[in-house]
Amino acid sequence: MIEPLLFGIVLGIIPVTLIGLFVAAFLQYRRQNTFRF
């Protein structure tokens, strides 16, 4: 009974985490580029 709930939570958290990491890396990359130039 608990496994489907955990599976749904994981499926909901993983994409948000990946998007958050991608955005953070993108912002840091842009910040480094602005500091270089």
N, C-alpha and C. Protein backbone atom coordinates (compact mmCIF):
# COMPACT_ATOMS: atom_id res chain seq x y z
N MET A 1 0.84 -1.21 0.00
CA MET A 1 0.00 0.00 0.00
C MET A 1 0.88 1.26 0.00
N ILE A 2 2.07 1.18 0.61
CA ILE A 2 2.92 2.37 0.72
C ILE A 2 3.80 2.53 -0.53
N GLU A 3 4.14 1.41 -1.17
CA GLU A 3 5.07 1.48 -2.30
C GLU A 3 4.59 2.37 -3.44
N PRO A 4 3.32 2.27 -3.88
CA PRO A 4 2.87 3.16 -4.97
C PRO A 4 2.99 4.63 -4.59
N LEU A 5 2.74 4.96 -3.34
CA LEU A 5 2.85 6.35 -2.90
C LEU A 5 4.31 6.82 -3.00
N LEU A 6 5.23 5.98 -2.49
CA LEU A 6 6.65 6.35 -2.56
C LEU A 6 7.11 6.44 -4.01
N PHE A 7 6.61 5.51 -4.85
CA PHE A 7 6.99 5.52 -6.27
C PHE A 7 6.53 6.82 -6.92
N GLY A 8 5.31 7.25 -6.60
CA GLY A 8 4.80 8.51 -7.15
C GLY A 8 5.59 9.70 -6.65
N ILE A 9 5.96 9.68 -5.38
CA ILE A 9 6.74 10.79 -4.82
C ILE A 9 8.10 10.86 -5.51
N VAL A 10 8.74 9.70 -5.69
CA VAL A 10 10.06 9.68 -6.35
C VAL A 10 9.94 10.18 -7.78
N LEU A 11 8.89 9.71 -8.49
CA LEU A 11 8.71 10.15 -9.88
C LEU A 11 8.45 11.65 -9.94
N GLY A 12 7.88 12.23 -8.89
CA GLY A 12 7.62 13.66 -8.87
C GLY A 12 8.85 14.46 -8.48
N ILE A 13 9.69 13.87 -7.61
CA ILE A 13 10.86 14.61 -7.10
C ILE A 13 12.01 14.61 -8.11
N ILE A 14 12.22 13.47 -8.78
CA ILE A 14 13.39 13.35 -9.67
C ILE A 14 13.41 14.42 -10.77
N PRO A 15 12.32 14.62 -11.53
CA PRO A 15 12.38 15.66 -12.58
C PRO A 15 12.62 17.05 -12.01
N VAL A 16 11.99 17.36 -10.88
CA VAL A 16 12.18 18.69 -10.28
C VAL A 16 13.64 18.86 -9.85
N THR A 17 14.23 17.80 -9.29
CA THR A 17 15.63 17.88 -8.86
C THR A 17 16.55 18.07 -10.06
N LEU A 18 16.30 17.30 -11.14
CA LEU A 18 17.14 17.42 -12.33
C LEU A 18 17.02 18.82 -12.92
N ILE A 19 15.80 19.35 -12.99
CA ILE A 19 15.60 20.69 -13.55
C ILE A 19 16.30 21.73 -12.66
N GLY A 20 16.20 21.56 -11.35
CA GLY A 20 16.84 22.50 -10.43
C GLY A 20 18.35 22.48 -10.58
N LEU A 21 18.93 21.28 -10.69
CA LEU A 21 20.38 21.19 -10.87
C LEU A 21 20.81 21.80 -12.19
N PHE A 22 20.01 21.54 -13.26
CA PHE A 22 20.35 22.08 -14.57
C PHE A 22 20.31 23.60 -14.56
N VAL A 23 19.28 24.16 -13.93
CA VAL A 23 19.16 25.63 -13.85
C VAL A 23 20.31 26.21 -13.03
N ALA A 24 20.66 25.57 -11.92
CA ALA A 24 21.75 26.08 -11.08
C ALA A 24 23.07 26.04 -11.85
N ALA A 25 23.33 24.95 -12.56
CA ALA A 25 24.56 24.84 -13.34
C ALA A 25 24.57 25.88 -14.46
N PHE A 26 23.41 26.09 -15.09
CA PHE A 26 23.33 27.06 -16.19
C PHE A 26 23.59 28.47 -15.67
N LEU A 27 23.01 28.81 -14.53
CA LEU A 27 23.22 30.15 -13.96
C LEU A 27 24.68 30.33 -13.56
N GLN A 28 25.28 29.29 -12.97
CA GLN A 28 26.68 29.40 -12.57
C GLN A 28 27.58 29.54 -13.80
N TYR A 29 27.24 28.80 -14.87
CA TYR A 29 28.02 28.89 -16.11
C TYR A 29 27.93 30.30 -16.70
N ARG A 30 26.72 30.87 -16.71
CA ARG A 30 26.55 32.23 -17.22
C ARG A 30 27.31 33.22 -16.34
N ARG A 31 27.27 33.00 -15.03
CA ARG A 31 27.95 33.91 -14.11
C ARG A 31 29.46 33.89 -14.36
N GLN A 32 30.03 32.70 -14.58
CA GLN A 32 31.46 32.59 -14.85
C GLN A 32 31.80 33.28 -16.17
N ASN A 33 30.93 33.12 -17.16
CA ASN A 33 31.19 33.76 -18.46
C ASN A 33 31.17 35.28 -18.32
N THR A 34 30.23 35.80 -17.54
CA THR A 34 30.16 37.26 -17.38
C THR A 34 31.39 37.75 -16.62
N PHE A 35 31.89 36.96 -15.67
CA PHE A 35 33.08 37.38 -14.93
C PHE A 35 34.31 37.34 -15.84
N ARG A 36 34.39 36.36 -16.74
CA ARG A 36 35.53 36.28 -17.65
C ARG A 36 35.53 37.50 -18.57
N PHE A 37 34.40 37.76 -19.21
CA PHE A 37 34.31 38.87 -20.14
C PHE A 37 33.81 40.09 -19.40
